[in-house]
Amino acid sequence: MSGNMEGAQEVGATGAAKSKAVKPTFDCMRTHEVARKLGISHVTVMRLLRAGKLPGAKIGRNWVVRKAVLDQYLRDLTQRIAEQRGIDPDLDC
């Protein structure tokens, strides 16, 4: 047997093989996480997604938003609000 553990399985107390649980790492957020980060309701996040104002993907019955896309959305939103109010968007306060 080689030292390569790729695709390895654990053997339980009964001798039966069981798969190791591998938690996938995604750079996506679910709608409740997006709502919390934006400080808005889950319903509002769903409205933004359905209207196409917030880019996301529907996987089955669930919507997800990539973290990088949400960060860009926040930068763009901050820029638009700052321009409307005549504020320097790069001002740290």
PDB file of N, CA and C in Angstrom:
ATOM      1  N   MET A   1       0.849  -1.174   0.000  1.00  0.00           N
ATOM      2  CA  MET A   1       0.000   0.000   0.000  1.00  0.00           C
ATOM      3  C   MET A   1       0.887   1.227   0.000  1.00  0.00           C
ATOM      4  N   SER A   2       0.583   2.213  -0.833  1.00  0.00           N
ATOM      5  CA  SER A   2       1.380   3.429  -0.914  1.00  0.00           C
ATOM      6  C   SER A   2       0.921   4.433   0.132  1.00  0.00           C
ATOM      7  N   GLY A   3       1.648   5.520   0.283  1.00  0.00           N
ATOM      8  CA  GLY A   3       1.339   6.537   1.263  1.00  0.00           C
ATOM      9  C   GLY A   3       0.270   7.505   0.798  1.00  0.00           C
ATOM     10  N   ASN A   4      -0.243   7.337  -0.399  1.00  0.00           N
ATOM     11  CA  ASN A   4      -1.262   8.234  -0.929  1.00  0.00           C
ATOM     12  C   ASN A   4      -2.596   7.945  -0.260  1.00  0.00           C
ATOM     13  N   MET A   5      -3.161   8.946   0.448  1.00  0.00           N
ATOM     14  CA  MET A   5      -4.410   8.757   1.186  1.00  0.00           C
ATOM     15  C   MET A   5      -5.619   9.279   0.421  1.00  0.00           C
ATOM     16  N   GLU A   6      -5.426   9.676  -0.822  1.00  0.00           N
ATOM     17  CA  GLU A   6      -6.528  10.211  -1.598  1.00  0.00           C
ATOM     18  C   GLU A   6      -7.611   9.151  -1.761  1.00  0.00           C
ATOM     19  N   GLY A   7      -8.843   9.540  -1.439  1.00  0.00           N
ATOM     20  CA  GLY A   7      -9.955   8.607  -1.549  1.00  0.00           C
ATOM     21  C   GLY A   7      -9.976   7.589  -0.423  1.00  0.00           C
ATOM     22  N   ALA A   8      -9.195   7.816   0.631  1.00  0.00           N
ATOM     23  CA  ALA A   8      -9.116   6.865   1.737  1.00  0.00           C
ATOM     24  C   ALA A   8     -10.431   6.833   2.506  1.00  0.00           C
ATOM     25  N   GLN A   9     -10.684   5.701   3.109  1.00  0.00           N
ATOM     26  CA  GLN A   9     -11.872   5.535   3.929  1.00  0.00           C
ATOM     27  C   GLN A   9     -11.453   5.052   5.306  1.00  0.00           C
ATOM     28  N   GLU A  10     -12.213   5.471   6.311  1.00  0.00           N
ATOM     29  CA  GLU A  10     -11.983   4.970   7.658  1.00  0.00           C
ATOM     30  C   GLU A  10     -12.695   3.637   7.797  1.00  0.00           C
ATOM     31  N   VAL A  11     -12.208   2.826   8.706  1.00  0.00           N
ATOM     32  CA  VAL A  11     -12.874   1.567   9.004  1.00  0.00           C
ATOM     33  C   VAL A  11     -13.461   1.703  10.395  1.00  0.00           C
ATOM     34  N   GLY A  12     -14.772   1.515  10.500  1.00  0.00           N
ATOM     35  CA  GLY A  12     -15.461   1.648  11.778  1.00  0.00           C
ATOM     36  C   GLY A  12     -15.200   0.461  12.685  1.00  0.00           C
ATOM     37  N   ALA A  13     -15.771   0.506  13.899  1.00  0.00           N
ATOM     38  CA  ALA A  13     -15.582  -0.548  14.890  1.00  0.00           C
ATOM     39  C   ALA A  13     -16.091  -1.896  14.389  1.00  0.00           C
ATOM     40  N   THR A  14     -17.064  -1.886  13.492  1.00  0.00           N
ATOM     41  CA  THR A  14     -17.612  -3.134  12.973  1.00  0.00           C
ATOM     42  C   THR A  14     -16.794  -3.686  11.821  1.00  0.00           C
ATOM     43  N   GLY A  15     -15.793  -2.907  11.393  1.00  0.00           N
ATOM     44  CA  GLY A  15     -14.970  -3.352  10.273  1.00  0.00           C
ATOM     45  C   GLY A  15     -15.499  -2.854   8.938  1.00  0.00           C
ATOM     46  N   ALA A  16     -16.651  -2.191   8.963  1.00  0.00           N
ATOM     47  CA  ALA A  16     -17.227  -1.669   7.720  1.00  0.00           C
ATOM     48  C   ALA A  16     -16.553  -0.344   7.373  1.00  0.00           C
ATOM     49  N   ALA A  17     -16.303  -0.145   6.107  1.00  0.00           N
ATOM     50  CA  ALA A  17     -15.678   1.096   5.661  1.00  0.00           C
ATOM     51  C   ALA A  17     -16.694   2.218   5.702  1.00  0.00           C
ATOM     52  N   LYS A  18     -16.250   3.372   6.153  1.00  0.00           N
ATOM     53  CA  LYS A  18     -17.124   4.544   6.118  1.00  0.00           C
ATOM     54  C   LYS A  18     -16.321   5.704   5.558  1.00  0.00           C
ATOM     55  N   SER A  19     -16.981   6.560   4.806  1.00  0.00           N
ATOM     56  CA  SER A  19     -16.304   7.695   4.180  1.00  0.00           C
ATOM     57  C   SER A  19     -15.990   8.757   5.217  1.00  0.00           C
ATOM     58  N   LYS A  20     -14.842   9.402   5.042  1.00  0.00           N
ATOM     59  CA  LYS A  20     -14.505  10.537   5.889  1.00  0.00           C
ATOM     60  C   LYS A  20     -15.341  11.720   5.432  1.00  0.00           C
ATOM     61  N   ALA A  21     -15.913  12.415   6.381  1.00  0.00           N
ATOM     62  CA  ALA A  21     -16.694  13.605   6.045  1.00  0.00           C
ATOM     63  C   ALA A  21     -15.738  14.734   5.695  1.00  0.00           C
ATOM     64  N   VAL A  22     -15.892  15.275   4.519  1.00  0.00           N
ATOM     65  CA  VAL A  22     -15.075  16.389   4.081  1.00  0.00           C
ATOM     66  C   VAL A  22     -15.995  17.566   3.882  1.00  0.00           C
ATOM     67  N   LYS A  23     -15.754  18.622   4.645  1.00  0.00           N
ATOM     68  CA  LYS A  23     -16.585  19.806   4.527  1.00  0.00           C
ATOM     69  C   LYS A  23     -16.039  20.660   3.391  1.00  0.00           C
ATOM     70  N   PRO A  24     -16.821  20.852   2.340  1.00  0.00           N
ATOM     71  CA  PRO A  24     -16.339  21.660   1.225  1.00  0.00           C
ATOM     72  C   PRO A  24     -16.220  23.119   1.635  1.00  0.00           C
ATOM     73  N   THR A  25     -15.273  23.810   1.052  1.00  0.00           N
ATOM     74  CA  THR A  25     -15.125  25.237   1.320  1.00  0.00           C
ATOM     75  C   THR A  25     -15.587  25.998   0.092  1.00  0.00           C
ATOM     76  N   PHE A  26     -16.577  26.814   0.274  1.00  0.00           N
ATOM     77  CA  PHE A  26     -17.124  27.616  -0.814  1.00  0.00           C
ATOM     78  C   PHE A  26     -16.938  29.072  -0.467  1.00  0.00           C
ATOM     79  N   ASP A  27     -16.852  29.900  -1.459  1.00  0.00           N
ATOM     80  CA  ASP A  27     -16.774  31.321  -1.201  1.00  0.00           C
ATOM     81  C   ASP A  27     -18.145  31.948  -1.420  1.00  0.00           C
ATOM     82  N   CYS A  28     -19.184  31.209  -1.068  1.00  0.00           N
ATOM     83  CA  CYS A  28     -20.551  31.684  -1.226  1.00  0.00           C
ATOM     84  C   CYS A  28     -21.219  31.864   0.126  1.00  0.00           C
ATOM     85  N   MET A  29     -22.201  32.747   0.133  1.00  0.00           N
ATOM     86  CA  MET A  29     -22.977  33.000   1.341  1.00  0.00           C
ATOM     87  C   MET A  29     -24.440  32.703   1.045  1.00  0.00           C
ATOM     88  N   ARG A  30     -25.121  32.167   2.036  1.00  0.00           N
ATOM     89  CA  ARG A  30     -26.551  31.941   1.899  1.00  0.00           C
ATOM     90  C   ARG A  30     -27.286  33.238   2.204  1.00  0.00           C
ATOM     91  N   THR A  31     -28.554  33.290   1.857  1.00  0.00           N
ATOM     92  CA  THR A  31     -29.301  34.541   1.950  1.00  0.00           C
ATOM     93  C   THR A  31     -29.370  35.096   3.367  1.00  0.00           C
ATOM     94  N   HIS A  32     -29.485  34.246   4.366  1.00  0.00           N
ATOM     95  CA  HIS A  32     -29.554  34.777   5.735  1.00  0.00           C
ATOM     96  C   HIS A  32     -28.218  35.399   6.157  1.00  0.00           C
ATOM     97  N   GLU A  33     -27.103  34.871   5.621  1.00  0.00           N
ATOM     98  CA  GLU A  33     -25.795  35.451   5.914  1.00  0.00           C
ATOM     99  C   GLU A  33     -25.631  36.802   5.223  1.00  0.00           C
ATOM    100  N   VAL A  34     -26.139  36.886   3.988  1.00  0.00           N
ATOM    101  CA  VAL A  34     -26.094  38.147   3.243  1.00  0.00           C
ATOM    102  C   VAL A  34     -26.932  39.195   3.975  1.00  0.00           C
ATOM    103  N   ALA A  35     -28.105  38.802   4.422  1.00  0.00           N
ATOM    104  CA  ALA A  35     -28.991  39.729   5.139  1.00  0.00           C
ATOM    105  C   ALA A  35     -28.304  40.272   6.388  1.00  0.00           C
ATOM    106  N   ARG A  36     -27.660  39.393   7.121  1.00  0.00           N
ATOM    107  CA  ARG A  36     -26.966  39.811   8.339  1.00  0.00           C
ATOM    108  C   ARG A  36     -25.838  40.782   8.008  1.00  0.00           C
ATOM    109  N   LYS A  37     -25.068  40.487   6.967  1.00  0.00           N
ATOM    110  CA  LYS A  37     -23.936  41.345   6.599  1.00  0.00           C
ATOM    111  C   LYS A  37     -24.408  42.718   6.118  1.00  0.00           C
ATOM    112  N   LEU A  38     -25.524  42.745   5.383  1.00  0.00           N
ATOM    113  CA  LEU A  38     -26.033  44.011   4.867  1.00  0.00           C
ATOM    114  C   LEU A  38     -26.892  44.763   5.873  1.00  0.00           C
ATOM    115  N   GLY A  39     -27.329  44.078   6.919  1.00  0.00           N
ATOM    116  CA  GLY A  39     -28.185  44.713   7.912  1.00  0.00           C
ATOM    117  C   GLY A  39     -29.596  44.930   7.409  1.00  0.00           C
ATOM    118  N   ILE A  40     -30.052  44.008   6.555  1.00  0.00           N
ATOM    119  CA  ILE A  40     -31.408  44.082   6.011  1.00  0.00           C
ATOM    120  C   ILE A  40     -32.098  42.742   6.246  1.00  0.00           C
ATOM    121  N   SER A  41     -33.369  42.690   5.942  1.00  0.00           N
ATOM    122  CA  SER A  41     -34.112  41.454   6.174  1.00  0.00           C
ATOM    123  C   SER A  41     -33.841  40.423   5.080  1.00  0.00           C
ATOM    124  N   HIS A  42     -34.100  39.195   5.431  1.00  0.00           N
ATOM    125  CA  HIS A  42     -33.979  38.084   4.485  1.00  0.00           C
ATOM    126  C   HIS A  42     -34.910  38.308   3.293  1.00  0.00           C
ATOM    127  N   VAL A  43     -36.085  38.827   3.553  1.00  0.00           N
ATOM    128  CA  VAL A  43     -37.076  39.090   2.492  1.00  0.00           C
ATOM    129  C   VAL A  43     -36.522  40.114   1.506  1.00  0.00           C
ATOM    130  N   THR A  44     -35.858  41.143   2.009  1.00  0.00           N
ATOM    131  CA  THR A  44     -35.275  42.164   1.134  1.00  0.00           C
ATOM    132  C   THR A  44     -34.165  41.566   0.278  1.00  0.00           C
ATOM    133  N   VAL A  45     -33.354  40.706   0.853  1.00  0.00           N
ATOM    134  CA  VAL A  45     -32.302  40.031   0.078  1.00  0.00           C
ATOM    135  C   VAL A  45     -32.946  39.229  -1.048  1.00  0.00           C
ATOM    136  N   MET A  46     -34.005  38.514  -0.748  1.00  0.00           N
ATOM    137  CA  MET A  46     -34.693  37.716  -1.775  1.00  0.00           C
ATOM    138  C   MET A  46     -35.235  38.617  -2.883  1.00  0.00           C
ATOM    139  N   ARG A  47     -35.781  39.760  -2.519  1.00  0.00           N
ATOM    140  CA  ARG A  47     -36.300  40.707  -3.526  1.00  0.00           C
ATOM    141  C   ARG A  47     -35.176  41.214  -4.422  1.00  0.00           C
ATOM    142  N   LEU A  48     -34.033  41.558  -3.820  1.00  0.00           N
ATOM    143  CA  LEU A  48     -32.890  42.029  -4.603  1.00  0.00           C
ATOM    144  C   LEU A  48     -32.395  40.956  -5.567  1.00  0.00           C
ATOM    145  N   LEU A  49     -32.343  39.713  -5.103  1.00  0.00           N
ATOM    146  CA  LEU A  49     -31.896  38.607  -5.954  1.00  0.00           C
ATOM    147  C   LEU A  49     -32.866  38.374  -7.105  1.00  0.00           C
ATOM    148  N   ARG A  50     -34.149  38.309  -6.792  1.00  0.00           N
ATOM    149  CA  ARG A  50     -35.155  38.045  -7.842  1.00  0.00           C
ATOM    150  C   ARG A  50     -35.200  39.154  -8.881  1.00  0.00           C
ATOM    151  N   ALA A  51     -34.953  40.408  -8.439  1.00  0.00           N
ATOM    152  CA  ALA A  51     -34.971  41.549  -9.357  1.00  0.00           C
ATOM    153  C   ALA A  51     -33.670  41.669 -10.149  1.00  0.00           C
ATOM    154  N   GLY A  52     -32.664  40.886  -9.775  1.00  0.00           N
ATOM    155  CA  GLY A  52     -31.384  40.950 -10.463  1.00  0.00           C
ATOM    156  C   GLY A  52     -30.511  42.111 -10.005  1.00  0.00           C
ATOM    157  N   LYS A  53     -30.917  42.803  -8.953  1.00  0.00           N
ATOM    158  CA  LYS A  53     -30.122  43.921  -8.436  1.00  0.00           C
ATOM    159  C   LYS A  53     -28.923  43.435  -7.641  1.00  0.00           C
ATOM    160  N   LEU A  54     -29.037  42.268  -7.048  1.00  0.00           N
ATOM    161  CA  LEU A  54     -27.931  41.618  -6.341  1.00  0.00           C
ATOM    162  C   LEU A  54     -27.634  40.323  -7.092  1.00  0.00           C
ATOM    163  N   PRO A  55     -26.454  40.212  -7.688  1.00  0.00           N
ATOM    164  CA  PRO A  55     -26.136  38.999  -8.440  1.00  0.00           C
ATOM    165  C   PRO A  55     -26.021  37.776  -7.522  1.00  0.00           C
ATOM    166  N   GLY A  56     -26.666  36.706  -7.914  1.00  0.00           N
ATOM    167  CA  GLY A  56     -26.607  35.476  -7.150  1.00  0.00           C
ATOM    168  C   GLY A  56     -26.980  34.303  -8.033  1.00  0.00           C
ATOM    169  N   ALA A  57     -26.970  33.132  -7.452  1.00  0.00           N
ATOM    170  CA  ALA A  57     -27.319  31.917  -8.196  1.00  0.00           C
ATOM    171  C   ALA A  57     -28.310  31.117  -7.380  1.00  0.00           C
ATOM    172  N   LYS A  58     -29.262  30.550  -8.052  1.00  0.00           N
ATOM    173  CA  LYS A  58     -30.234  29.694  -7.389  1.00  0.00           C
ATOM    174  C   LYS A  58     -29.799  28.249  -7.586  1.00  0.00           C
ATOM    175  N   ILE A  59     -29.576  27.588  -6.467  1.00  0.00           N
ATOM    176  CA  ILE A  59     -29.185  26.183  -6.493  1.00  0.00           C
ATOM    177  C   ILE A  59     -30.315  25.407  -5.842  1.00  0.00           C
ATOM    178  N   GLY A  60     -31.059  24.698  -6.663  1.00  0.00           N
ATOM    179  CA  GLY A  60     -32.255  24.033  -6.146  1.00  0.00           C
ATOM    180  C   GLY A  60     -33.258  25.092  -5.722  1.00  0.00           C
ATOM    181  N   ARG A  61     -33.639  25.056  -4.459  1.00  0.00           N
ATOM    182  CA  ARG A  61     -34.571  26.052  -3.924  1.00  0.00           C
ATOM    183  C   ARG A  61     -33.865  27.182  -3.196  1.00  0.00           C
ATOM    184  N   ASN A  62     -32.546  27.118  -3.116  1.00  0.00           N
ATOM    185  CA  ASN A  62     -31.779  28.083  -2.331  1.00  0.00           C
ATOM    186  C   ASN A  62     -30.977  29.030  -3.204  1.00  0.00           C
ATOM    187  N   TRP A  63     -30.867  30.268  -2.753  1.00  0.00           N
ATOM    188  CA  TRP A  63     -30.040  31.262  -3.411  1.00  0.00           C
ATOM    189  C   TRP A  63     -28.709  31.370  -2.678  1.00  0.00           C
ATOM    190  N   VAL A  64     -27.644  31.608  -3.426  1.00  0.00           N
ATOM    191  CA  VAL A  64     -26.330  31.872  -2.848  1.00  0.00           C
ATOM    192  C   VAL A  64     -25.716  33.073  -3.558  1.00  0.00           C
ATOM    193  N   VAL A  65     -24.850  33.766  -2.827  1.00  0.00           N
ATOM    194  CA  VAL A  65     -24.152  34.936  -3.364  1.00  0.00           C
ATOM    195  C   VAL A  65     -22.672  34.737  -3.083  1.00  0.00           C
ATOM    196  N   ARG A  66     -21.862  34.910  -4.104  1.00  0.00           N
ATOM    197  CA  ARG A  66     -20.409  34.803  -3.907  1.00  0.00           C
ATOM    198  C   ARG A  66     -19.943  35.973  -3.051  1.00  0.00           C
ATOM    199  N   LYS A  67     -19.016  35.698  -2.145  1.00  0.00           N
ATOM    200  CA  LYS A  67     -18.505  36.737  -1.245  1.00  0.00           C
ATOM    201  C   LYS A  67     -17.881  37.887  -2.025  1.00  0.00           C
ATOM    202  N   ALA A  68     -17.121  37.579  -3.063  1.00  0.00           N
ATOM    203  CA  ALA A  68     -16.482  38.625  -3.867  1.00  0.00           C
ATOM    204  C   ALA A  68     -17.527  39.494  -4.560  1.00  0.00           C
ATOM    205  N   VAL A  69     -18.615  38.882  -5.011  1.00  0.00           N
ATOM    206  CA  VAL A  69     -19.691  39.630  -5.667  1.00  0.00           C
ATOM    207  C   VAL A  69     -20.387  40.538  -4.656  1.00  0.00           C
ATOM    208  N   LEU A  70     -20.605  40.042  -3.450  1.00  0.00           N
ATOM    209  CA  LEU A  70     -21.241  40.854  -2.414  1.00  0.00           C
ATOM    210  C   LEU A  70     -20.335  42.024  -2.034  1.00  0.00           C
ATOM    211  N   ASP A  71     -19.043  41.781  -1.921  1.00  0.00           N
ATOM    212  CA  ASP A  71     -18.110  42.862  -1.605  1.00  0.00           C
ATOM    213  C   ASP A  71     -18.136  43.941  -2.684  1.00  0.00           C
ATOM    214  N   GLN A  72     -18.164  43.531  -3.951  1.00  0.00           N
ATOM    215  CA  GLN A  72     -18.233  44.494  -5.057  1.00  0.00           C
ATOM    216  C   GLN A  72     -19.561  45.233  -5.034  1.00  0.00           C
ATOM    217  N   TYR A  73     -20.651  44.532  -4.741  1.00  0.00           N
ATOM    218  CA  TYR A  73     -21.974  45.153  -4.634  1.00  0.00           C
ATOM    219  C   TYR A  73     -21.948  46.252  -3.564  1.00  0.00           C
ATOM    220  N   LEU A  74     -21.326  45.958  -2.423  1.00  0.00           N
ATOM    221  CA  LEU A  74     -21.238  46.943  -1.341  1.00  0.00           C
ATOM    222  C   LEU A  74     -20.396  48.150  -1.746  1.00  0.00           C
ATOM    223  N   ARG A  75     -19.279  47.910  -2.443  1.00  0.00           N
ATOM    224  CA  ARG A  75     -18.454  49.020  -2.917  1.00  0.00           C
ATOM    225  C   ARG A  75     -19.228  49.905  -3.886  1.00  0.00           C
ATOM    226  N   ASP A  76     -19.940  49.272  -4.829  1.00  0.00           N
ATOM    227  CA  ASP A  76     -20.726  50.023  -5.810  1.00  0.00           C
ATOM    228  C   ASP A  76     -21.850  50.803  -5.131  1.00  0.00           C
ATOM    229  N   LEU A  77     -22.520  50.176  -4.185  1.00  0.00           N
ATOM    230  CA  LEU A  77     -23.612  50.822  -3.466  1.00  0.00           C
ATOM    231  C   LEU A  77     -23.089  52.015  -2.675  1.00  0.00           C
ATOM    232  N   THR A  78     -21.967  51.837  -2.001  1.00  0.00           N
ATOM    233  CA  THR A  78     -21.348  52.925  -1.240  1.00  0.00           C
ATOM    234  C   THR A  78     -20.986  54.083  -2.157  1.00  0.00           C
ATOM    235  N   GLN A  79     -20.445  53.756  -3.322  1.00  0.00           N
ATOM    236  CA  GLN A  79     -20.063  54.776  -4.306  1.00  0.00           C
ATOM    237  C   GLN A  79     -21.290  55.562  -4.765  1.00  0.00           C
ATOM    238  N   ARG A  80     -22.370  54.853  -5.106  1.00  0.00           N
ATOM    239  CA  ARG A  80     -23.590  55.521  -5.581  1.00  0.00           C
ATOM    240  C   ARG A  80     -24.177  56.431  -4.501  1.00  0.00           C
ATOM    241  N   ILE A  81     -24.233  55.946  -3.276  1.00  0.00           N
ATOM    242  CA  ILE A  81     -24.801  56.737  -2.187  1.00  0.00           C
ATOM    243  C   ILE A  81     -23.937  57.971  -1.927  1.00  0.00           C
ATOM    244  N   ALA A  82     -22.621  57.779  -1.936  1.00  0.00           N
ATOM    245  CA  ALA A  82     -21.717  58.902  -1.710  1.00  0.00           C
ATOM    246  C   ALA A  82     -21.880  59.961  -2.791  1.00  0.00           C
ATOM    247  N   GLU A  83     -22.000  59.529  -4.040  1.00  0.00           N
ATOM    248  CA  GLU A  83     -22.182  60.477  -5.141  1.00  0.00           C
ATOM    249  C   GLU A  83     -23.495  61.231  -5.000  1.00  0.00           C
ATOM    250  N   GLN A  84     -24.557  60.534  -4.615  1.00  0.00           N
ATOM    251  CA  GLN A  84     -25.866  61.180  -4.437  1.00  0.00           C
ATOM    252  C   GLN A  84     -25.824  62.229  -3.327  1.00  0.00           C
ATOM    253  N   ARG A  85     -25.046  61.955  -2.298  1.00  0.00           N
ATOM    254  CA  ARG A  85     -24.988  62.842  -1.131  1.00  0.00           C
ATOM    255  C   ARG A  85     -23.825  63.838  -1.199  1.00  0.00           C
ATOM    256  N   GLY A  86     -23.008  63.753  -2.245  1.00  0.00           N
ATOM    257  CA  GLY A  86     -21.882  64.653  -2.385  1.00  0.00           C
ATOM    258  C   GLY A  86     -20.785  64.424  -1.370  1.00  0.00           C
ATOM    259  N   ILE A  87     -20.595  63.155  -0.994  1.00  0.00           N
ATOM    260  CA  ILE A  87     -19.599  62.771   0.003  1.00  0.00           C
ATOM    261  C   ILE A  87     -18.456  62.041  -0.690  1.00  0.00           C
ATOM    262  N   ASP A  88     -17.257  62.207  -0.153  1.00  0.00           N
ATOM    263  CA  ASP A  88     -16.101  61.458  -0.660  1.00  0.00           C
ATOM    264  C   ASP A  88     -16.257  59.992  -0.232  1.00  0.00           C
ATOM    265  N   PRO A  89     -16.419  59.044  -1.180  1.00  0.00           N
ATOM    266  CA  PRO A  89     -16.646  57.654  -0.816  1.00  0.00           C
ATOM    267  C   PRO A  89     -15.446  56.987  -0.127  1.00  0.00           C
ATOM    268  N   ASP A  90     -14.265  57.580  -0.274  1.00  0.00           N
ATOM    269  CA  ASP A  90     -13.069  57.001   0.346  1.00  0.00           C
ATOM    270  C   ASP A  90     -12.829  57.556   1.744  1.00  0.00           C
ATOM    271  N   LEU A  91     -13.714  58.410   2.217  1.00  0.00           N
ATOM    272  CA  LEU A  91     -13.574  58.998   3.541  1.00  0.00           C
ATOM    273  C   LEU A  91     -13.811  57.944   4.606  1.00  0.00           C
ATOM    274  N   ASP A  92     -12.828  57.746   5.463  1.00  0.00           N
ATOM    275  CA  ASP A  92     -12.971  56.798   6.568  1.00  0.00           C
ATOM    276  C   ASP A  92     -13.546  57.529   7.766  1.00  0.00           C
ATOM    277  N   CYS A  93     -14.653  56.996   8.285  1.00  0.00           N
ATOM    278  CA  CYS A  93     -15.211  57.608   9.477  1.00  0.00           C
ATOM    279  C   CYS A  93     -15.718  56.558  10.425  1.00  0.00           C
TER     280      CYS A  93
END
